[in-house]
Structure formats: structure tokens, C-alpha cells
């Protein structure tokens, strides 16, 4: 089981890969292998994000429901946070 910092690191890595592929696809729109790779990493990112938010906290205010975003404790106050 990954801890929150490990999950956040993996999320960041996958997001970077997706962004890099996105930039490539801006100029190579017909590269089906790159599109498939982007979709693979997008699926992985969404799974990791769901896992993180289920175990710890919502990553953005748009993912939170109502006042959930402002309830205590704040994300950095959660147990196990090495912020």
C-alpha cells in the first residue's frame, strides 16, 4: 500500500508523462501509438487520483462536494503528511 506522499509522487510523474505526450500530439495528431499511450496514462492517472482521494483527501476544490473543501483538518494537517 502506497502512502500519501508516494501516491502524490506517482500522480505527478504520470501527469508529467501525459503533459509531454500532449505536447507531442499537438504537432503529431495522427500518431496512433502516441494517442494510445496517452490514453493508457490517462487511465492510470484517473485510477491513482481516485485511490488517493478515497484514502486521503480531495486534490482540488472542484472534486470536493459543497463545504467539504473547507472542513478541518486541512490536507497538510492529515495524519502521515510529511509536508
PDB file of N, CA and C in Angstrom:
ATOM      1  N   UNK A   1       0.846  -1.190   0.000  1.00  0.00           N
ATOM      2  CA  UNK A   1       0.000   0.000   0.000  1.00  0.00           C
ATOM      3  C   UNK A   1       0.884   1.244   0.000  1.00  0.00           C
ATOM      4  N   UNK A   2       0.600   2.162  -0.902  1.00  0.00           N
ATOM      5  CA  UNK A   2       1.379   3.390  -1.001  1.00  0.00           C
ATOM      6  C   UNK A   2       0.877   4.421  -0.005  1.00  0.00           C
ATOM      7  N   UNK A   3       1.812   5.157   0.596  1.00  0.00           N
ATOM      8  CA  UNK A   3       1.438   6.264   1.481  1.00  0.00           C
ATOM      9  C   UNK A   3       1.081   7.462   0.629  1.00  0.00           C
ATOM     10  N   UNK A   4       0.496   8.484   1.263  1.00  0.00           N
ATOM     11  CA  UNK A   4       0.011   9.635   0.510  1.00  0.00           C
ATOM     12  C   UNK A   4       1.113  10.324  -0.296  1.00  0.00           C
ATOM     13  N   UNK A   5       2.317  10.497   0.268  1.00  0.00           N
ATOM     14  CA  UNK A   5       3.382  11.160  -0.478  1.00  0.00           C
ATOM     15  C   UNK A   5       3.836  10.331  -1.671  1.00  0.00           C
ATOM     16  N   UNK A   6       3.845   9.026  -1.518  1.00  0.00           N
ATOM     17  CA  UNK A   6       4.235   8.154  -2.629  1.00  0.00           C
ATOM     18  C   UNK A   6       3.187   8.207  -3.737  1.00  0.00           C
ATOM     19  N   UNK A   7       1.922   8.219  -3.353  1.00  0.00           N
ATOM     20  CA  UNK A   7       0.852   8.334  -4.344  1.00  0.00           C
ATOM     21  C   UNK A   7       0.912   9.681  -5.057  1.00  0.00           C
ATOM     22  N   UNK A   8       1.158  10.757  -4.309  1.00  0.00           N
ATOM     23  CA  UNK A   8       1.266  12.080  -4.915  1.00  0.00           C
ATOM     24  C   UNK A   8       2.435  12.144  -5.889  1.00  0.00           C
ATOM     25  N   UNK A   9       3.542  11.519  -5.522  1.00  0.00           N
ATOM     26  CA  UNK A   9       4.709  11.492  -6.408  1.00  0.00           C
ATOM     27  C   UNK A   9       4.388  10.731  -7.693  1.00  0.00           C
ATOM     28  N   UNK A  10       3.734   9.584  -7.557  1.00  0.00           N
ATOM     29  CA  UNK A  10       3.379   8.810  -8.739  1.00  0.00           C
ATOM     30  C   UNK A  10       2.365   9.562  -9.602  1.00  0.00           C
ATOM     31  N   UNK A  11       1.406  10.241  -8.974  1.00  0.00           N
ATOM     32  CA  UNK A  11       0.457  11.067  -9.716  1.00  0.00           C
ATOM     33  C   UNK A  11       1.182  12.146 -10.512  1.00  0.00           C
ATOM     34  N   UNK A  12       2.149  12.787  -9.888  1.00  0.00           N
ATOM     35  CA  UNK A  12       2.919  13.836 -10.557  1.00  0.00           C
ATOM     36  C   UNK A  12       3.702  13.287 -11.741  1.00  0.00           C
ATOM     37  N   UNK A  13       4.274  12.114 -11.564  1.00  0.00           N
ATOM     38  CA  UNK A  13       5.047  11.506 -12.651  1.00  0.00           C
ATOM     39  C   UNK A  13       4.151  11.169 -13.839  1.00  0.00           C
ATOM     40  N   UNK A  14       3.008  10.591 -13.551  1.00  0.00           N
ATOM     41  CA  UNK A  14       2.080  10.229 -14.620  1.00  0.00           C
ATOM     42  C   UNK A  14       1.537  11.492 -15.298  1.00  0.00           C
ATOM     43  N   UNK A  15       1.247  12.532 -14.518  1.00  0.00           N
ATOM     44  CA  UNK A  15       0.766  13.794 -15.091  1.00  0.00           C
ATOM     45  C   UNK A  15       1.821  14.408 -16.001  1.00  0.00           C
ATOM     46  N   UNK A  16       3.092  14.309 -15.615  1.00  0.00           N
ATOM     47  CA  UNK A  16       4.177  14.829 -16.456  1.00  0.00           C
ATOM     48  C   UNK A  16       4.243  14.073 -17.780  1.00  0.00           C
ATOM     49  N   UNK A  17       4.145  12.759 -17.715  1.00  0.00           N
ATOM     50  CA  UNK A  17       4.162  11.940 -18.935  1.00  0.00           C
ATOM     51  C   UNK A  17       2.995  12.332 -19.842  1.00  0.00           C
ATOM     52  N   UNK A  18       1.811  12.504 -19.241  1.00  0.00           N
ATOM     53  CA  UNK A  18       0.644  12.894 -20.029  1.00  0.00           C
ATOM     54  C   UNK A  18       0.853  14.257 -20.686  1.00  0.00           C
ATOM     55  N   UNK A  19       1.426  15.206 -19.937  1.00  0.00           N
ATOM     56  CA  UNK A  19       1.654  16.542 -20.491  1.00  0.00           C
ATOM     57  C   UNK A  19       2.659  16.480 -21.637  1.00  0.00           C
ATOM     58  N   UNK A  20       3.715  15.706 -21.468  1.00  0.00           N
ATOM     59  CA  UNK A  20       4.726  15.559 -22.513  1.00  0.00           C
ATOM     60  C   UNK A  20       4.100  14.950 -23.775  1.00  0.00           C
ATOM     61  N   UNK A  21       3.296  13.918 -23.590  1.00  0.00           N
ATOM     62  CA  UNK A  21       2.595  13.316 -24.732  1.00  0.00           C
ATOM     63  C   UNK A  21       1.611  14.301 -25.367  1.00  0.00           C
ATOM     64  N   UNK A  22       0.955  15.088 -24.539  1.00  0.00           N
ATOM     65  CA  UNK A  22       0.021  16.103 -25.037  1.00  0.00           C
ATOM     66  C   UNK A  22       0.749  17.093 -25.945  1.00  0.00           C
ATOM     67  N   UNK A  23       1.902  17.561 -25.516  1.00  0.00           N
ATOM     68  CA  UNK A  23       2.689  18.492 -26.332  1.00  0.00           C
ATOM     69  C   UNK A  23       3.115  17.848 -27.643  1.00  0.00           C
ATOM     70  N   UNK A  24       3.541  16.601 -27.586  1.00  0.00           N
ATOM     71  CA  UNK A  24       3.927  15.870 -28.789  1.00  0.00           C
ATOM     72  C   UNK A  24       2.735  15.744 -29.742  1.00  0.00           C
ATOM     73  N   UNK A  25       1.578  15.410 -29.181  1.00  0.00           N
ATOM     74  CA  UNK A  25       0.385  15.209 -30.007  1.00  0.00           C
ATOM     75  C   UNK A  25      -0.128  16.507 -30.626  1.00  0.00           C
ATOM     76  N   UNK A  26       0.256  17.651 -30.059  1.00  0.00           N
ATOM     77  CA  UNK A  26      -0.108  18.924 -30.678  1.00  0.00           C
ATOM     78  C   UNK A  26       0.455  19.039 -32.091  1.00  0.00           C
ATOM     79  N   UNK A  27       1.600  18.420 -32.322  1.00  0.00           N
ATOM     80  CA  UNK A  27       2.243  18.508 -33.637  1.00  0.00           C
ATOM     81  C   UNK A  27       2.239  17.189 -34.404  1.00  0.00           C
ATOM     82  N   UNK A  28       1.793  16.122 -33.769  1.00  0.00           N
ATOM     83  CA  UNK A  28       1.744  14.801 -34.406  1.00  0.00           C
ATOM     84  C   UNK A  28       0.364  14.179 -34.163  1.00  0.00           C
ATOM     85  N   UNK A  29      -0.641  14.836 -34.667  1.00  0.00           N
ATOM     86  CA  UNK A  29      -2.026  14.466 -34.346  1.00  0.00           C
ATOM     87  C   UNK A  29      -2.452  13.103 -34.870  1.00  0.00           C
ATOM     88  N   UNK A  30      -1.729  12.550 -35.814  1.00  0.00           N
ATOM     89  CA  UNK A  30      -2.119  11.258 -36.397  1.00  0.00           C
ATOM     90  C   UNK A  30      -1.316  10.078 -35.850  1.00  0.00           C
ATOM     91  N   UNK A  31      -0.484  10.312 -34.849  1.00  0.00           N
ATOM     92  CA  UNK A  31       0.341   9.244 -34.282  1.00  0.00           C
ATOM     93  C   UNK A  31      -0.524   8.396 -33.348  1.00  0.00           C
ATOM     94  N   UNK A  32      -1.056   7.320 -33.886  1.00  0.00           N
ATOM     95  CA  UNK A  32      -1.986   6.482 -33.113  1.00  0.00           C
ATOM     96  C   UNK A  32      -1.315   5.784 -31.935  1.00  0.00           C
ATOM     97  N   UNK A  33      -0.022   5.485 -32.066  1.00  0.00           N
ATOM     98  CA  UNK A  33       0.694   4.872 -30.936  1.00  0.00           C
ATOM     99  C   UNK A  33       0.790   5.852 -29.767  1.00  0.00           C
ATOM    100  N   UNK A  34       1.074   7.114 -30.073  1.00  0.00           N
ATOM    101  CA  UNK A  34       1.162   8.137 -29.026  1.00  0.00           C
ATOM    102  C   UNK A  34      -0.200   8.397 -28.400  1.00  0.00           C
ATOM    103  N   UNK A  35      -1.240   8.375 -29.213  1.00  0.00           N
ATOM    104  CA  UNK A  35      -2.598   8.564 -28.685  1.00  0.00           C
ATOM    105  C   UNK A  35      -2.955   7.423 -27.738  1.00  0.00           C
ATOM    106  N   UNK A  36      -2.626   6.205 -28.134  1.00  0.00           N
ATOM    107  CA  UNK A  36      -2.901   5.040 -27.283  1.00  0.00           C
ATOM    108  C   UNK A  36      -2.109   5.129 -25.982  1.00  0.00           C
ATOM    109  N   UNK A  37      -0.859   5.565 -26.065  1.00  0.00           N
ATOM    110  CA  UNK A  37      -0.024   5.707 -24.879  1.00  0.00           C
ATOM    111  C   UNK A  37      -0.584   6.785 -23.955  1.00  0.00           C
ATOM    112  N   UNK A  38      -1.013   7.902 -24.541  1.00  0.00           N
ATOM    113  CA  UNK A  38      -1.627   8.972 -23.750  1.00  0.00           C
ATOM    114  C   UNK A  38      -2.865   8.444 -23.019  1.00  0.00           C
ATOM    115  N   UNK A  39      -3.710   7.726 -23.728  1.00  0.00           N
ATOM    116  CA  UNK A  39      -4.933   7.185 -23.118  1.00  0.00           C
ATOM    117  C   UNK A  39      -4.619   6.185 -22.010  1.00  0.00           C
ATOM    118  N   UNK A  40      -3.559   5.402 -22.184  1.00  0.00           N
ATOM    119  CA  UNK A  40      -3.128   4.456 -21.157  1.00  0.00           C
ATOM    120  C   UNK A  40      -2.731   5.202 -19.877  1.00  0.00           C
ATOM    121  N   UNK A  41      -1.942   6.261 -20.040  1.00  0.00           N
ATOM    122  CA  UNK A  41      -1.507   7.026 -18.869  1.00  0.00           C
ATOM    123  C   UNK A  41      -2.645   7.834 -18.264  1.00  0.00           C
ATOM    124  N   UNK A  42      -3.578   8.273 -19.089  1.00  0.00           N
ATOM    125  CA  UNK A  42      -4.739   8.992 -18.558  1.00  0.00           C
ATOM    126  C   UNK A  42      -5.553   8.067 -17.659  1.00  0.00           C
ATOM    127  N   UNK A  43      -5.753   6.835 -18.100  1.00  0.00           N
ATOM    128  CA  UNK A  43      -6.487   5.854 -17.298  1.00  0.00           C
ATOM    129  C   UNK A  43      -5.752   5.578 -15.981  1.00  0.00           C
ATOM    130  N   UNK A  44      -4.429   5.432 -16.071  1.00  0.00           N
ATOM    131  CA  UNK A  44      -3.631   5.203 -14.862  1.00  0.00           C
ATOM    132  C   UNK A  44      -3.734   6.386 -13.911  1.00  0.00           C
ATOM    133  N   UNK A  45      -3.667   7.607 -14.462  1.00  0.00           N
ATOM    134  CA  UNK A  45      -3.765   8.811 -13.642  1.00  0.00           C
ATOM    135  C   UNK A  45      -5.103   8.860 -12.912  1.00  0.00           C
ATOM    136  N   UNK A  46      -6.175   8.604 -13.633  1.00  0.00           N
ATOM    137  CA  UNK A  46      -7.501   8.654 -13.018  1.00  0.00           C
ATOM    138  C   UNK A  46      -7.657   7.607 -11.923  1.00  0.00           C
ATOM    139  N   UNK A  47      -7.080   6.424 -12.128  1.00  0.00           N
ATOM    140  CA  UNK A  47      -7.130   5.376 -11.092  1.00  0.00           C
ATOM    141  C   UNK A  47      -6.346   5.802  -9.858  1.00  0.00           C
ATOM    142  N   UNK A  48      -5.152   6.338 -10.064  1.00  0.00           N
ATOM    143  CA  UNK A  48      -4.332   6.798  -8.940  1.00  0.00           C
ATOM    144  C   UNK A  48      -5.014   7.942  -8.200  1.00  0.00           C
ATOM    145  N   UNK A  49      -5.604   8.867  -8.959  1.00  0.00           N
ATOM    146  CA  UNK A  49      -6.295  10.010  -8.359  1.00  0.00           C
ATOM    147  C   UNK A  49      -7.469   9.528  -7.518  1.00  0.00           C
ATOM    148  N   UNK A  50      -8.253   8.604  -8.064  1.00  0.00           N
ATOM    149  CA  UNK A  50      -9.391   8.054  -7.309  1.00  0.00           C
ATOM    150  C   UNK A  50      -8.917   7.359  -6.040  1.00  0.00           C
ATOM    151  N   UNK A  51      -7.844   6.580  -6.154  1.00  0.00           N
ATOM    152  CA  UNK A  51      -7.300   5.886  -4.984  1.00  0.00           C
ATOM    153  C   UNK A  51      -6.849   6.884  -3.924  1.00  0.00           C
ATOM    154  N   UNK A  52      -6.140   7.920  -4.359  1.00  0.00           N
ATOM    155  CA  UNK A  52      -5.651   8.911  -3.415  1.00  0.00           C
ATOM    156  C   UNK A  52      -6.809   9.627  -2.724  1.00  0.00           C
ATOM    157  N   UNK A  53      -7.787  10.078  -3.506  1.00  0.00           N
ATOM    158  CA  UNK A  53      -8.894  10.833  -2.928  1.00  0.00           C
ATOM    159  C   UNK A  53      -9.762   9.968  -2.019  1.00  0.00           C
ATOM    160  N   UNK A  54      -9.855   8.698  -2.310  1.00  0.00           N
ATOM    161  CA  UNK A  54     -10.625   7.802  -1.446  1.00  0.00           C
ATOM    162  C   UNK A  54      -9.921   7.596  -0.104  1.00  0.00           C
ATOM    163  N   UNK A  55      -8.585   7.493  -0.137  1.00  0.00           N
ATOM    164  CA  UNK A  55      -7.826   7.202   1.078  1.00  0.00           C
ATOM    165  C   UNK A  55      -7.491   8.450   1.895  1.00  0.00           C
ATOM    166  N   UNK A  56      -7.280   9.575   1.225  1.00  0.00           N
ATOM    167  CA  UNK A  56      -6.757  10.744   1.931  1.00  0.00           C
ATOM    168  C   UNK A  56      -7.686  11.944   1.841  1.00  0.00           C
ATOM    169  N   UNK A  57      -7.602  12.745   0.788  1.00  0.00           N
ATOM    170  CA  UNK A  57      -8.409  13.934   0.657  1.00  0.00           C
ATOM    171  C   UNK A  57      -8.553  14.306  -0.816  1.00  0.00           C
ATOM    172  N   UNK A  58      -9.505  15.193  -1.089  1.00  0.00           N
ATOM    173  CA  UNK A  58      -9.720  15.667  -2.449  1.00  0.00           C
ATOM    174  C   UNK A  58      -8.535  16.539  -2.861  1.00  0.00           C
ATOM    175  N   UNK A  59      -8.127  16.394  -4.097  1.00  0.00           N
ATOM    176  CA  UNK A  59      -6.961  17.125  -4.579  1.00  0.00           C
ATOM    177  C   UNK A  59      -7.271  18.558  -4.987  1.00  0.00           C
ATOM    178  N   UNK A  60      -8.490  18.813  -5.431  1.00  0.00           N
ATOM    179  CA  UNK A  60      -8.866  20.168  -5.816  1.00  0.00           C
ATOM    180  C   UNK A  60     -10.250  20.492  -5.286  1.00  0.00           C
ATOM    181  N   UNK A  61     -10.546  21.767  -5.228  1.00  0.00           N
ATOM    182  CA  UNK A  61     -11.855  22.173  -4.730  1.00  0.00           C
ATOM    183  C   UNK A  61     -12.971  21.733  -5.667  1.00  0.00           C
ATOM    184  N   UNK A  62     -12.665  21.565  -6.946  1.00  0.00           N
ATOM    185  CA  UNK A  62     -13.708  21.125  -7.884  1.00  0.00           C
ATOM    186  C   UNK A  62     -14.068  19.663  -7.686  1.00  0.00           C
ATOM    187  N   UNK A  63     -13.216  18.902  -6.995  1.00  0.00           N
ATOM    188  CA  UNK A  63     -13.503  17.498  -6.711  1.00  0.00           C
ATOM    189  C   UNK A  63     -14.285  17.322  -5.414  1.00  0.00           C
ATOM    190  N   UNK A  64     -14.322  18.350  -4.583  1.00  0.00           N
ATOM    191  CA  UNK A  64     -14.989  18.267  -3.284  1.00  0.00           C
ATOM    192  C   UNK A  64     -16.471  18.593  -3.432  1.00  0.00           C
ATOM    193  N   UNK A  65     -17.251  18.093  -2.508  1.00  0.00           N
ATOM    194  CA  UNK A  65     -18.690  18.342  -2.502  1.00  0.00           C
ATOM    195  C   UNK A  65     -19.004  19.443  -1.493  1.00  0.00           C
ATOM    196  N   UNK A  66     -19.611  20.515  -1.938  1.00  0.00           N
ATOM    197  CA  UNK A  66     -20.065  21.574  -1.045  1.00  0.00           C
ATOM    198  C   UNK A  66     -18.959  22.137  -0.173  1.00  0.00           C
ATOM    199  N   UNK A  67     -19.184  22.114   1.148  1.00  0.00           N
ATOM    200  CA  UNK A  67     -18.236  22.702   2.083  1.00  0.00           C
ATOM    201  C   UNK A  67     -17.153  21.719   2.516  1.00  0.00           C
ATOM    202  N   UNK A  68     -17.142  20.534   1.927  1.00  0.00           N
ATOM    203  CA  UNK A  68     -16.132  19.528   2.273  1.00  0.00           C
ATOM    204  C   UNK A  68     -14.720  20.108   2.167  1.00  0.00           C
ATOM    205  N   UNK A  69     -14.529  20.973   1.189  1.00  0.00           N
ATOM    206  CA  UNK A  69     -13.201  21.529   0.922  1.00  0.00           C
ATOM    207  C   UNK A  69     -12.682  22.366   2.098  1.00  0.00           C
ATOM    208  N   UNK A  70     -13.571  23.015   2.837  1.00  0.00           N
ATOM    209  CA  UNK A  70     -13.115  23.908   3.908  1.00  0.00           C
ATOM    210  C   UNK A  70     -13.198  23.280   5.292  1.00  0.00           C
ATOM    211  N   UNK A  71     -13.636  22.038   5.394  1.00  0.00           N
ATOM    212  CA  UNK A  71     -13.706  21.372   6.689  1.00  0.00           C
ATOM    213  C   UNK A  71     -12.315  21.043   7.205  1.00  0.00           C
ATOM    214  N   UNK A  72     -12.171  21.059   8.514  1.00  0.00           N
ATOM    215  CA  UNK A  72     -10.906  20.654   9.135  1.00  0.00           C
ATOM    216  C   UNK A  72     -10.850  19.156   9.214  1.00  0.00           C
ATOM    217  N   UNK A  73      -9.712  18.527   9.240  1.00  0.00           N
ATOM    218  CA  UNK A  73      -8.398  19.152   9.076  1.00  0.00           C
ATOM    219  C   UNK A  73      -8.094  19.436   7.604  1.00  0.00           C
ATOM    220  N   UNK A  74      -7.219  20.386   7.387  1.00  0.00           N
ATOM    221  CA  UNK A  74      -6.764  20.710   6.042  1.00  0.00           C
ATOM    222  C   UNK A  74      -5.861  19.576   5.555  1.00  0.00           C
ATOM    223  N   UNK A  75      -5.667  19.443   4.261  1.00  0.00           N
ATOM    224  CA  UNK A  75      -4.871  18.323   3.741  1.00  0.00           C
ATOM    225  C   UNK A  75      -3.497  18.174   4.399  1.00  0.00           C
ATOM    226  N   UNK A  76      -2.809  19.253   4.677  1.00  0.00           N
ATOM    227  CA  UNK A  76      -1.483  19.178   5.276  1.00  0.00           C
ATOM    228  C   UNK A  76      -1.518  18.864   6.766  1.00  0.00           C
ATOM    229  N   UNK A  77      -2.710  18.883   7.342  1.00  0.00           N
ATOM    230  CA  UNK A  77      -2.855  18.546   8.748  1.00  0.00           C
ATOM    231  C   UNK A  77      -3.241  17.074   8.943  1.00  0.00           C
ATOM    232  N   UNK A  78      -3.416  16.349   7.861  1.00  0.00           N
ATOM    233  CA  UNK A  78      -3.806  14.943   7.942  1.00  0.00           C
ATOM    234  C   UNK A  78      -2.659  14.108   8.515  1.00  0.00           C
ATOM    235  N   UNK A  79      -3.032  13.045   9.176  1.00  0.00           N
ATOM    236  CA  UNK A  79      -2.043  12.139   9.746  1.00  0.00           C
ATOM    237  C   UNK A  79      -1.164  11.548   8.644  1.00  0.00           C
ATOM    238  N   UNK A  80       0.123  11.524   8.903  1.00  0.00           N
ATOM    239  CA  UNK A  80       1.060  10.941   7.950  1.00  0.00           C
ATOM    240  C   UNK A  80       1.534  11.901   6.896  1.00  0.00           C
ATOM    241  N   UNK A  81       1.104  13.170   6.964  1.00  0.00           N
ATOM    242  CA  UNK A  81       1.555  14.148   5.972  1.00  0.00           C
ATOM    243  C   UNK A  81       2.951  14.612   6.326  1.00  0.00           C
ATOM    244  N   UNK A  82       3.871  14.482   5.385  1.00  0.00           N
ATOM    245  CA  UNK A  82       5.248  14.909   5.612  1.00  0.00           C
ATOM    246  C   UNK A  82       5.523  16.265   4.982  1.00  0.00           C
ATOM    247  N   UNK A  83       4.514  17.112   4.939  1.00  0.00           N
ATOM    248  CA  UNK A  83       4.656  18.404   4.280  1.00  0.00           C
ATOM    249  C   UNK A  83       5.607  19.317   5.051  1.00  0.00           C
TER     250      UNK A  83
END
